[in-house]
Amino acid sequence: MNNKFLVAAISSVALMAASCGQEDSNRATGVFEAVTVTVSAETAGKILSFNPSEGDTVAFNQTLCVVDTSMLVLQRGELEGLMAAAKSADPDVAAQAAELRARIAHQTREYDRAKNLLADGAVPSRNVDDAAAALDALRAKLDALLSSLGASSSASEANVRSVACRLMQVDEQIARSSVKAPISGVILEKYAEAGEFVTTGKPLLRIADMNNVYLYCYFTAAQLEGLGPGSEVTVVAEFGNGRTHEYPGRITWIAAESEFTPKSIQSASSRANLVYAAKVSVVNDGRIRLGQYADVSL
């Protein structure tokens, strides 16, 4: 009689072990994660406003935080004055050379007249020589003036370009003082508040794209047979008290190298198994939370 009970008990345990082993081989366990972005300050200054709170949903390019731009505005005003001065210093080459060109034109006529008079024998050749010398002197003076004005104009144009670049830099800094959301998502954490002084590069908040989450899970080599990036699978999310919900999922990434099963998700039958990390993308219906456990049903 005792032997019969012993055989029955052993058979029951064997069936339970086989059932658990089969269940483990048909599923992979993991936790939900999402693409997160840490938003940092791009300019230094006092935070004037920082309205969104943790848990708020924000849209792409929405203004999240405004950093004081008073010093930048003052700097821009100074540069505008420098720009006006640089432009006024640019010499008017045509205006300054006009008088010399008029004198050269007059002296050219005098030179031609002296040559004609010399041909008629009315004046000595010295008059022609003097007229030619005067004309050459005016032309040399014009060349020197143009060379000087050209160099001055080039320096002035370079100064204008330099100030213009500095103005663009200040405008860019002013624009970056309004911190905008790089993605649509939910604010997970805030690292600063209005009234605080921030430096360039200081993290302000972290945003997660909660619409498209992924299950970070682990597959054995046997489970991956016939699967690969793009394969459709079923993700069973756990909501506590035995409640679950199935979501369609798609494998987007599989690790190239194996590793030992992480202790946080390993089952009793897979402690020594080598597994491959994978990501399964899932469209969130609003109920999935980061860090929530789920299984991939195979």
C-alpha atoms as a PDB file:
ATOM      1  CA  MET A   1       0.000   0.000   0.000  1.00  0.00           C
ATOM      2  CA  ASN A   2       2.773   2.403   0.922  1.00  0.00           C
ATOM      3  CA  ASN A   3       4.598   1.577  -2.319  1.00  0.00           C
ATOM      4  CA  LYS A   4       1.531   2.547  -4.332  1.00  0.00           C
ATOM      5  CA  PHE A   5       1.346   5.940  -2.647  1.00  0.00           C
ATOM      6  CA  LEU A   6       5.105   6.482  -3.207  1.00  0.00           C
ATOM      7  CA  VAL A   7       4.827   5.664  -6.931  1.00  0.00           C
ATOM      8  CA  ALA A   8       1.858   8.019  -7.273  1.00  0.00           C
ATOM      9  CA  ALA A   9       3.720  10.860  -5.537  1.00  0.00           C
ATOM     10  CA  ILE A  10       6.836  10.408  -7.704  1.00  0.00           C
ATOM     11  CA  SER A  11       4.689  10.373 -10.847  1.00  0.00           C
ATOM     12  CA  SER A  12       2.933  13.577  -9.781  1.00  0.00           C
ATOM     13  CA  VAL A  13       6.245  15.383  -9.154  1.00  0.00           C
ATOM     14  CA  ALA A  14       7.627  14.208 -12.504  1.00  0.00           C
ATOM     15  CA  LEU A  15       4.554  15.488 -14.337  1.00  0.00           C
ATOM     16  CA  MET A  16       4.802  18.876 -12.593  1.00  0.00           C
ATOM     17  CA  ALA A  17       8.512  19.165 -13.448  1.00  0.00           C
ATOM     18  CA  ALA A  18       7.856  18.255 -17.062  1.00  0.00           C
ATOM     19  CA  SER A  19       5.048  20.799 -17.215  1.00  0.00           C
ATOM     20  CA  CYS A  20       7.269  23.564 -15.769  1.00  0.00           C
ATOM     21  CA  GLY A  21      10.101  22.666 -18.119  1.00  0.00           C
ATOM     22  CA  GLN A  22       7.784  22.789 -21.106  1.00  0.00           C
ATOM     23  CA  GLU A  23       6.347  26.119 -19.930  1.00  0.00           C
ATOM     24  CA  ASP A  24       9.839  27.637 -19.509  1.00  0.00           C
ATOM     25  CA  SER A  25      10.870  26.474 -22.966  1.00  0.00           C
ATOM     26  CA  ASN A  26       7.861  28.202 -24.543  1.00  0.00           C
ATOM     27  CA  ARG A  27       8.342  31.640 -23.046  1.00  0.00           C
ATOM     28  CA  ALA A  28      10.934  34.322 -22.400  1.00  0.00           C
ATOM     29  CA  THR A  29      10.716  36.796 -19.542  1.00  0.00           C
ATOM     30  CA  GLY A  30      11.736  40.434 -19.423  1.00  0.00           C
ATOM     31  CA  VAL A  31      10.835  43.954 -18.346  1.00  0.00           C
ATOM     32  CA  PHE A  32       9.433  46.876 -20.301  1.00  0.00           C
ATOM     33  CA  GLU A  33      11.764  49.730 -21.160  1.00  0.00           C
ATOM     34  CA  ALA A  34      11.517  52.792 -23.390  1.00  0.00           C
ATOM     35  CA  VAL A  35      13.697  55.209 -25.305  1.00  0.00           C
ATOM     36  CA  THR A  36      14.613  57.972 -22.858  1.00  0.00           C
ATOM     37  CA  VAL A  37      16.261  61.323 -23.525  1.00  0.00           C
ATOM     38  CA  THR A  38      18.027  63.433 -20.919  1.00  0.00           C
ATOM     39  CA  VAL A  39      17.487  67.110 -21.715  1.00  0.00           C
ATOM     40  CA  SER A  40      20.266  69.451 -20.568  1.00  0.00           C
ATOM     41  CA  ALA A  41      20.707  73.220 -20.407  1.00  0.00           C
ATOM     42  CA  GLU A  42      22.481  74.684 -23.423  1.00  0.00           C
ATOM     43  CA  THR A  43      23.121  78.091 -21.837  1.00  0.00           C
ATOM     44  CA  ALA A  44      24.045  79.218 -18.339  1.00  0.00           C
ATOM     45  CA  GLY A  45      21.737  81.362 -16.266  1.00  0.00           C
ATOM     46  CA  LYS A  46      18.829  81.486 -13.850  1.00  0.00           C
ATOM     47  CA  ILE A  47      15.766  79.393 -14.715  1.00  0.00           C
ATOM     48  CA  LEU A  48      12.867  81.806 -15.183  1.00  0.00           C
ATOM     49  CA  SER A  49      10.162  79.196 -15.794  1.00  0.00           C
ATOM     50  CA  PHE A  50       9.978  75.422 -15.658  1.00  0.00           C
ATOM     51  CA  ASN A  51       6.307  74.506 -15.855  1.00  0.00           C
ATOM     52  CA  PRO A  52       6.009  70.771 -16.691  1.00  0.00           C
ATOM     53  CA  SER A  53       5.963  68.362 -13.762  1.00  0.00           C
ATOM     54  CA  GLU A  54       7.021  64.750 -13.455  1.00  0.00           C
ATOM     55  CA  GLY A  55       4.422  62.534 -15.111  1.00  0.00           C
ATOM     56  CA  ASP A  56       3.257  65.233 -17.529  1.00  0.00           C
ATOM     57  CA  THR A  57       2.979  64.414 -21.213  1.00  0.00           C
ATOM     58  CA  VAL A  58       4.832  66.817 -23.503  1.00  0.00           C
ATOM     59  CA  ALA A  59       4.826  67.249 -27.266  1.00  0.00           C
ATOM     60  CA  PHE A  60       7.789  67.454 -29.606  1.00  0.00           C
ATOM     61  CA  ASN A  61       9.319  70.966 -29.676  1.00  0.00           C
ATOM     62  CA  GLN A  62       7.197  72.109 -26.727  1.00  0.00           C
ATOM     63  CA  THR A  63       8.915  74.729 -24.563  1.00  0.00           C
ATOM     64  CA  LEU A  64       9.839  73.122 -21.255  1.00  0.00           C
ATOM     65  CA  CYS A  65      12.127  75.613 -19.585  1.00  0.00           C
ATOM     66  CA  VAL A  66      13.287  79.215 -20.116  1.00  0.00           C
ATOM     67  CA  VAL A  67      16.705  80.408 -18.933  1.00  0.00           C
ATOM     68  CA  ASP A  68      17.354  84.111 -18.287  1.00  0.00           C
ATOM     69  CA  THR A  69      18.772  85.906 -21.349  1.00  0.00           C
ATOM     70  CA  SER A  70      19.312  89.397 -19.872  1.00  0.00           C
ATOM     71  CA  MET A  71      23.087  89.328 -20.291  1.00  0.00           C
ATOM     72  CA  LEU A  72      22.788  87.962 -23.816  1.00  0.00           C
ATOM     73  CA  VAL A  73      20.368  90.737 -24.781  1.00  0.00           C
ATOM     74  CA  LEU A  74      22.818  93.349 -23.448  1.00  0.00           C
ATOM     75  CA  GLN A  75      25.644  91.662 -25.346  1.00  0.00           C
ATOM     76  CA  ARG A  76      23.570  91.774 -28.510  1.00  0.00           C
ATOM     77  CA  GLY A  77      22.952  95.507 -28.077  1.00  0.00           C
ATOM     78  CA  GLU A  78      26.697  96.105 -27.780  1.00  0.00           C
ATOM     79  CA  LEU A  79      27.326  94.106 -30.957  1.00  0.00           C
ATOM     80  CA  GLU A  80      24.688  96.068 -32.832  1.00  0.00           C
ATOM     81  CA  GLY A  81      26.604  99.250 -31.967  1.00  0.00           C
ATOM     82  CA  LEU A  82      29.841  97.687 -33.196  1.00  0.00           C
ATOM     83  CA  MET A  83      28.119  96.683 -36.420  1.00  0.00           C
ATOM     84  CA  ALA A  84      26.918 100.244 -37.058  1.00  0.00           C
ATOM     85  CA  ALA A  85      30.430 101.582 -36.420  1.00  0.00           C
ATOM     86  CA  ALA A  86      31.993  98.967 -38.707  1.00  0.00           C
ATOM     87  CA  LYS A  87      29.637  99.812 -41.548  1.00  0.00           C
ATOM     88  CA  SER A  88      30.211 103.560 -41.204  1.00  0.00           C
ATOM     89  CA  ALA A  89      33.981 103.010 -41.330  1.00  0.00           C
ATOM     90  CA  ASP A  90      33.707 101.399 -44.759  1.00  0.00           C
ATOM     91  CA  PRO A  91      35.191 103.994 -47.173  1.00  0.00           C
ATOM     92  CA  ASP A  92      33.243 105.124 -50.224  1.00  0.00           C
ATOM     93  CA  VAL A  93      35.880 104.357 -52.851  1.00  0.00           C
ATOM     94  CA  ALA A  94      33.917 105.771 -55.788  1.00  0.00           C
ATOM     95  CA  ALA A  95      33.203 109.097 -54.058  1.00  0.00           C
ATOM     96  CA  GLN A  96      36.787 109.650 -52.920  1.00  0.00           C
ATOM     97  CA  ALA A  97      38.224 108.760 -56.301  1.00  0.00           C
ATOM     98  CA  ALA A  98      35.728 110.850 -58.306  1.00  0.00           C
ATOM     99  CA  GLU A  99      37.619 114.144 -57.817  1.00  0.00           C
ATOM    100  CA  LEU A 100      40.917 112.644 -58.948  1.00  0.00           C
ATOM    101  CA  ARG A 101      39.279 111.069 -62.002  1.00  0.00           C
ATOM    102  CA  ALA A 102      37.795 114.464 -62.921  1.00  0.00           C
ATOM    103  CA  ARG A 103      41.237 116.104 -62.665  1.00  0.00           C
ATOM    104  CA  ILE A 104      42.763 113.309 -64.755  1.00  0.00           C
ATOM    105  CA  ALA A 105      40.114 113.841 -67.431  1.00  0.00           C
ATOM    106  CA  HIS A 106      40.853 117.584 -67.467  1.00  0.00           C
ATOM    107  CA  GLN A 107      44.614 117.015 -67.576  1.00  0.00           C
ATOM    108  CA  THR A 108      44.173 114.529 -70.445  1.00  0.00           C
ATOM    109  CA  ARG A 109      42.437 117.231 -72.463  1.00  0.00           C
ATOM    110  CA  GLU A 110      45.237 119.667 -71.629  1.00  0.00           C
ATOM    111  CA  TYR A 111      47.815 117.120 -72.753  1.00  0.00           C
ATOM    112  CA  ASP A 112      46.025 116.535 -76.061  1.00  0.00           C
ATOM    113  CA  ARG A 113      45.710 120.283 -76.592  1.00  0.00           C
ATOM    114  CA  ALA A 114      49.446 120.764 -75.935  1.00  0.00           C
ATOM    115  CA  LYS A 115      50.281 118.057 -78.494  1.00  0.00           C
ATOM    116  CA  ASN A 116      48.095 119.727 -81.110  1.00  0.00           C
ATOM    117  CA  LEU A 117      49.681 123.108 -80.447  1.00  0.00           C
ATOM    118  CA  LEU A 118      53.134 121.549 -80.685  1.00  0.00           C
ATOM    119  CA  ALA A 119      52.221 120.066 -84.058  1.00  0.00           C
ATOM    120  CA  ASP A 120      51.242 123.535 -85.251  1.00  0.00           C
ATOM    121  CA  GLY A 121      54.473 124.976 -83.871  1.00  0.00           C
ATOM    122  CA  ALA A 122      52.565 127.238 -81.492  1.00  0.00           C
ATOM    123  CA  VAL A 123      54.227 125.977 -78.251  1.00  0.00           C
ATOM    124  CA  PRO A 124      57.578 124.449 -77.390  1.00  0.00           C
ATOM    125  CA  SER A 125      57.899 120.717 -76.660  1.00  0.00           C
ATOM    126  CA  ARG A 126      58.482 121.543 -73.000  1.00  0.00           C
ATOM    127  CA  ASN A 127      54.766 122.339 -72.643  1.00  0.00           C
ATOM    128  CA  VAL A 128      53.852 118.846 -73.854  1.00  0.00           C
ATOM    129  CA  ASP A 129      56.364 117.274 -71.493  1.00  0.00           C
ATOM    130  CA  ASP A 130      54.958 119.250 -68.540  1.00  0.00           C
ATOM    131  CA  ALA A 131      51.393 118.246 -69.424  1.00  0.00           C
ATOM    132  CA  ALA A 132      52.395 114.565 -69.722  1.00  0.00           C
ATOM    133  CA  ALA A 133      54.225 114.688 -66.366  1.00  0.00           C
ATOM    134  CA  ALA A 134      51.231 116.288 -64.657  1.00  0.00           C
ATOM    135  CA  LEU A 135      48.952 113.602 -66.147  1.00  0.00           C
ATOM    136  CA  ASP A 136      51.237 110.782 -64.977  1.00  0.00           C
ATOM    137  CA  ALA A 137      51.388 112.274 -61.496  1.00  0.00           C
ATOM    138  CA  LEU A 138      47.578 112.368 -61.234  1.00  0.00           C
ATOM    139  CA  ARG A 139      47.276 108.778 -62.453  1.00  0.00           C
ATOM    140  CA  ALA A 140      49.881 107.613 -59.903  1.00  0.00           C
ATOM    141  CA  LYS A 141      48.015 109.457 -57.175  1.00  0.00           C
ATOM    142  CA  LEU A 142      44.748 107.737 -58.194  1.00  0.00           C
ATOM    143  CA  ASP A 143      46.401 104.307 -58.137  1.00  0.00           C
ATOM    144  CA  ALA A 144      47.806 104.946 -54.643  1.00  0.00           C
ATOM    145  CA  LEU A 145      44.424 106.172 -53.417  1.00  0.00           C
ATOM    146  CA  LEU A 146      42.587 103.141 -54.821  1.00  0.00           C
ATOM    147  CA  SER A 147      45.125 100.775 -53.288  1.00  0.00           C
ATOM    148  CA  SER A 148      44.808 102.429 -49.884  1.00  0.00           C
ATOM    149  CA  LEU A 149      41.030 102.560 -49.998  1.00  0.00           C
ATOM    150  CA  GLY A 150      40.869  98.946 -51.190  1.00  0.00           C
ATOM    151  CA  ALA A 151      42.900  97.737 -48.229  1.00  0.00           C
ATOM    152  CA  SER A 152      40.809  99.842 -45.857  1.00  0.00           C
ATOM    153  CA  SER A 153      37.582  98.542 -47.411  1.00  0.00           C
ATOM    154  CA  SER A 154      38.729  94.928 -47.122  1.00  0.00           C
ATOM    155  CA  ALA A 155      39.574  95.421 -43.444  1.00  0.00           C
ATOM    156  CA  SER A 156      36.200  97.085 -42.852  1.00  0.00           C
ATOM    157  CA  GLU A 157      34.311  94.267 -44.623  1.00  0.00           C
ATOM    158  CA  ALA A 158      36.198  91.692 -42.557  1.00  0.00           C
ATOM    159  CA  ASN A 159      35.229  93.553 -39.380  1.00  0.00           C
ATOM    160  CA  VAL A 160      31.578  93.635 -40.465  1.00  0.00           C
ATOM    161  CA  ARG A 161      31.632  89.885 -41.140  1.00  0.00           C
ATOM    162  CA  SER A 162      33.226  89.219 -37.746  1.00  0.00           C
ATOM    163  CA  VAL A 163      30.609  91.235 -35.879  1.00  0.00           C
ATOM    164  CA  ALA A 164      27.851  89.557 -37.911  1.00  0.00           C
ATOM    165  CA  CYS A 165      29.124  86.125 -36.854  1.00  0.00           C
ATOM    166  CA  ARG A 166      29.187  87.193 -33.217  1.00  0.00           C
ATOM    167  CA  LEU A 167      25.618  88.451 -33.557  1.00  0.00           C
ATOM    168  CA  MET A 168      24.528  85.091 -34.957  1.00  0.00           C
ATOM    169  CA  GLN A 169      26.227  83.307 -32.064  1.00  0.00           C
ATOM    170  CA  VAL A 170      24.386  85.454 -29.518  1.00  0.00           C
ATOM    171  CA  ASP A 171      21.080  84.936 -31.352  1.00  0.00           C
ATOM    172  CA  GLU A 172      21.673  81.174 -31.274  1.00  0.00           C
ATOM    173  CA  GLN A 173      22.385  81.302 -27.538  1.00  0.00           C
ATOM    174  CA  ILE A 174      19.216  83.314 -26.956  1.00  0.00           C
ATOM    175  CA  ALA A 175      17.225  80.746 -28.961  1.00  0.00           C
ATOM    176  CA  ARG A 176      18.761  77.882 -26.970  1.00  0.00           C
ATOM    177  CA  SER A 177      17.760  79.552 -23.715  1.00  0.00           C
ATOM    178  CA  SER A 178      14.261  78.239 -24.438  1.00  0.00           C
ATOM    179  CA  VAL A 179      14.666  74.516 -23.803  1.00  0.00           C
ATOM    180  CA  LYS A 180      12.322  72.483 -26.011  1.00  0.00           C
ATOM    181  CA  ALA A 181      11.268  68.844 -25.916  1.00  0.00           C
ATOM    182  CA  PRO A 182      13.370  66.766 -28.353  1.00  0.00           C
ATOM    183  CA  ILE A 183      10.686  64.044 -28.462  1.00  0.00           C
ATOM    184  CA  SER A 184       7.063  63.569 -27.512  1.00  0.00           C
ATOM    185  CA  GLY A 185       6.762  61.634 -24.291  1.00  0.00           C
ATOM    186  CA  VAL A 186       6.316  61.606 -20.537  1.00  0.00           C
ATOM    187  CA  ILE A 187       8.575  63.410 -18.070  1.00  0.00           C
ATOM    188  CA  LEU A 188      10.082  60.749 -15.817  1.00  0.00           C
ATOM    189  CA  GLU A 189      12.318  62.945 -13.656  1.00  0.00           C
ATOM    190  CA  LYS A 190      13.110  66.634 -13.122  1.00  0.00           C
ATOM    191  CA  TYR A 191      16.549  67.621 -11.891  1.00  0.00           C
ATOM    192  CA  ALA A 192      16.015  71.389 -11.453  1.00  0.00           C
ATOM    193  CA  GLU A 193      13.317  73.924 -10.619  1.00  0.00           C
ATOM    194  CA  ALA A 194      12.499  77.546 -11.477  1.00  0.00           C
ATOM    195  CA  GLY A 195      14.761  79.999  -9.679  1.00  0.00           C
ATOM    196  CA  GLU A 196      17.825  77.752  -9.742  1.00  0.00           C
ATOM    197  CA  PHE A 197      21.006  78.718 -11.575  1.00  0.00           C
ATOM    198  CA  VAL A 198      22.111  76.211 -14.190  1.00  0.00           C
ATOM    199  CA  THR A 199      25.334  75.842 -16.111  1.00  0.00           C
ATOM    200  CA  THR A 200      25.725  74.732 -19.696  1.00  0.00           C
ATOM    201  CA  GLY A 201      25.288  70.966 -19.906  1.00  0.00           C
ATOM    202  CA  LYS A 202      23.457  70.543 -16.587  1.00  0.00           C
ATOM    203  CA  PRO A 203      20.711  67.871 -16.894  1.00  0.00           C
ATOM    204  CA  LEU A 204      17.247  69.364 -16.462  1.00  0.00           C
ATOM    205  CA  LEU A 205      14.872  66.436 -16.983  1.00  0.00           C
ATOM    206  CA  ARG A 206      14.426  62.992 -18.520  1.00  0.00           C
ATOM    207  CA  ILE A 207      11.708  62.175 -21.048  1.00  0.00           C
ATOM    208  CA  ALA A 208      10.524  58.738 -22.159  1.00  0.00           C
ATOM    209  CA  ASP A 209       8.613  57.849 -25.313  1.00  0.00           C
ATOM    210  CA  MET A 210       5.808  55.854 -23.690  1.00  0.00           C
ATOM    211  CA  ASN A 211       3.837  55.295 -26.883  1.00  0.00           C
ATOM    212  CA  ASN A 212       6.331  52.810 -28.274  1.00  0.00           C
ATOM    213  CA  VAL A 213       7.922  50.712 -25.549  1.00  0.00           C
ATOM    214  CA  TYR A 214       9.941  47.537 -25.830  1.00  0.00           C
ATOM    215  CA  LEU A 215      10.362  44.414 -23.746  1.00  0.00           C
ATOM    216  CA  TYR A 216      14.006  43.752 -22.887  1.00  0.00           C
ATOM    217  CA  CYS A 217      14.051  39.972 -22.545  1.00  0.00           C
ATOM    218  CA  TYR A 218      16.279  36.915 -22.939  1.00  0.00           C
ATOM    219  CA  PHE A 219      15.960  33.918 -25.247  1.00  0.00           C
ATOM    220  CA  THR A 220      17.811  30.624 -25.197  1.00  0.00           C
ATOM    221  CA  ALA A 221      19.425  29.414 -28.403  1.00  0.00           C
ATOM    222  CA  ALA A 222      16.689  26.814 -28.762  1.00  0.00           C
ATOM    223  CA  GLN A 223      13.959  29.443 -28.417  1.00  0.00           C
ATOM    224  CA  LEU A 224      15.552  31.603 -31.099  1.00  0.00           C
ATOM    225  CA  GLU A 225      15.363  28.860 -33.689  1.00  0.00           C
ATOM    226  CA  GLY A 226      13.254  30.257 -36.497  1.00  0.00           C
ATOM    227  CA  LEU A 227      13.167  33.740 -34.937  1.00  0.00           C
ATOM    228  CA  GLY A 228      15.046  36.890 -35.879  1.00  0.00           C
ATOM    229  CA  PRO A 229      14.661  40.666 -36.132  1.00  0.00           C
ATOM    230  CA  GLY A 230      11.238  41.344 -37.596  1.00  0.00           C
ATOM    231  CA  SER A 231       9.629  38.164 -36.231  1.00  0.00           C
ATOM    232  CA  GLU A 232       6.134  38.650 -34.801  1.00  0.00           C
ATOM    233  CA  VAL A 233       5.534  37.345 -31.266  1.00  0.00           C
ATOM    234  CA  THR A 234       2.934  37.668 -28.501  1.00  0.00           C
ATOM    235  CA  VAL A 235       3.827  39.625 -25.370  1.00  0.00           C
ATOM    236  CA  VAL A 236       1.869  38.785 -22.217  1.00  0.00           C
ATOM    237  CA  ALA A 237       2.056  41.668 -19.721  1.00  0.00           C
ATOM    238  CA  GLU A 238       1.461  41.042 -16.008  1.00  0.00           C
ATOM    239  CA  PHE A 239      -0.784  43.478 -14.117  1.00  0.00           C
ATOM    240  CA  GLY A 240      -0.847  41.771 -10.721  1.00  0.00           C
ATOM    241  CA  ASN A 241      -3.391  39.576  -8.993  1.00  0.00           C
ATOM    242  CA  GLY A 242      -3.098  37.095 -11.842  1.00  0.00           C
ATOM    243  CA  ARG A 243      -4.313  39.637 -14.425  1.00  0.00           C
ATOM    244  CA  THR A 244      -2.545  39.608 -17.790  1.00  0.00           C
ATOM    245  CA  HIS A 245      -3.029  41.147 -21.220  1.00  0.00           C
ATOM    246  CA  GLU A 246      -1.659  40.077 -24.588  1.00  0.00           C
ATOM    247  CA  TYR A 247      -0.003  42.537 -26.965  1.00  0.00           C
ATOM    248  CA  PRO A 248       1.341  41.926 -30.465  1.00  0.00           C
ATOM    249  CA  GLY A 249       5.105  42.423 -30.518  1.00  0.00           C
ATOM    250  CA  ARG A 250       7.928  42.435 -33.016  1.00  0.00           C
ATOM    251  CA  ILE A 251      11.545  41.483 -32.344  1.00  0.00           C
ATOM    252  CA  THR A 252      13.717  44.457 -33.300  1.00  0.00           C
ATOM    253  CA  TRP A 253      17.127  43.401 -31.973  1.00  0.00           C
ATOM    254  CA  ILE A 254      18.942  40.272 -30.815  1.00  0.00           C
ATOM    255  CA  ALA A 255      22.355  40.364 -29.154  1.00  0.00           C
ATOM    256  CA  ALA A 256      25.232  38.862 -31.114  1.00  0.00           C
ATOM    257  CA  GLU A 257      26.805  37.304 -28.009  1.00  0.00           C
ATOM    258  CA  SER A 258      25.274  35.096 -25.322  1.00  0.00           C
ATOM    259  CA  GLU A 259      25.406  35.659 -21.557  1.00  0.00           C
ATOM    260  CA  PHE A 260      24.280  33.923 -18.392  1.00  0.00           C
ATOM    261  CA  THR A 261      20.648  34.453 -17.458  1.00  0.00           C
ATOM    262  CA  PRO A 262      20.348  37.563 -15.232  1.00  0.00           C
ATOM    263  CA  LYS A 263      19.286  36.682 -11.690  1.00  0.00           C
ATOM    264  CA  SER A 264      16.417  39.178 -11.812  1.00  0.00           C
ATOM    265  CA  ILE A 265      14.481  37.170 -14.418  1.00  0.00           C
ATOM    266  CA  GLN A 266      15.887  33.641 -14.372  1.00  0.00           C
ATOM    267  CA  SER A 267      13.658  30.692 -13.566  1.00  0.00           C
ATOM    268  CA  ALA A 268      14.653  27.658 -11.538  1.00  0.00           C
ATOM    269  CA  SER A 269      15.289  25.600 -14.660  1.00  0.00           C
ATOM    270  CA  SER A 270      17.447  28.185 -16.417  1.00  0.00           C
ATOM    271  CA  ARG A 271      19.996  29.312 -13.851  1.00  0.00           C
ATOM    272  CA  ALA A 272      22.951  27.958 -15.812  1.00  0.00           C
ATOM    273  CA  ASN A 273      21.578  28.608 -19.307  1.00  0.00           C
ATOM    274  CA  LEU A 274      23.326  30.860 -21.772  1.00  0.00           C
ATOM    275  CA  VAL A 275      20.820  33.301 -23.236  1.00  0.00           C
ATOM    276  CA  TYR A 276      20.657  36.098 -25.817  1.00  0.00           C
ATOM    277  CA  ALA A 277      19.311  39.527 -24.922  1.00  0.00           C
ATOM    278  CA  ALA A 278      16.612  40.838 -27.250  1.00  0.00           C
ATOM    279  CA  LYS A 279      14.215  43.741 -27.668  1.00  0.00           C
ATOM    280  CA  VAL A 280      10.567  43.246 -28.597  1.00  0.00           C
ATOM    281  CA  SER A 281       8.747  46.434 -29.606  1.00  0.00           C
ATOM    282  CA  VAL A 282       5.180  46.900 -28.360  1.00  0.00           C
ATOM    283  CA  VAL A 283       2.648  49.669 -28.962  1.00  0.00           C
ATOM    284  CA  ASN A 284       1.571  50.919 -25.540  1.00  0.00           C
ATOM    285  CA  ASP A 285      -2.154  51.249 -24.937  1.00  0.00           C
ATOM    286  CA  GLY A 286      -1.462  53.444 -21.931  1.00  0.00           C
ATOM    287  CA  ARG A 287      -1.413  50.672 -19.346  1.00  0.00           C
ATOM    288  CA  ILE A 288       2.185  49.479 -19.687  1.00  0.00           C
ATOM    289  CA  ARG A 289       4.643  50.927 -17.183  1.00  0.00           C
ATOM    290  CA  LEU A 290       8.428  50.939 -17.306  1.00  0.00           C
ATOM    291  CA  GLY A 291       9.951  48.107 -15.264  1.00  0.00           C
ATOM    292  CA  GLN A 292       6.800  46.024 -15.566  1.00  0.00           C
ATOM    293  CA  TYR A 293       7.341  42.294 -16.105  1.00  0.00           C
ATOM    294  CA  ALA A 294       6.046  40.448 -19.147  1.00  0.00           C
ATOM    295  CA  ASP A 295       6.538  37.182 -21.003  1.00  0.00           C
ATOM    296  CA  VAL A 296       7.066  36.462 -24.672  1.00  0.00           C
ATOM    297  CA  SER A 297       4.860  33.569 -25.620  1.00  0.00           C
ATOM    298  CA  LEU A 298       6.406  31.312 -28.255  1.00  0.00           C
END
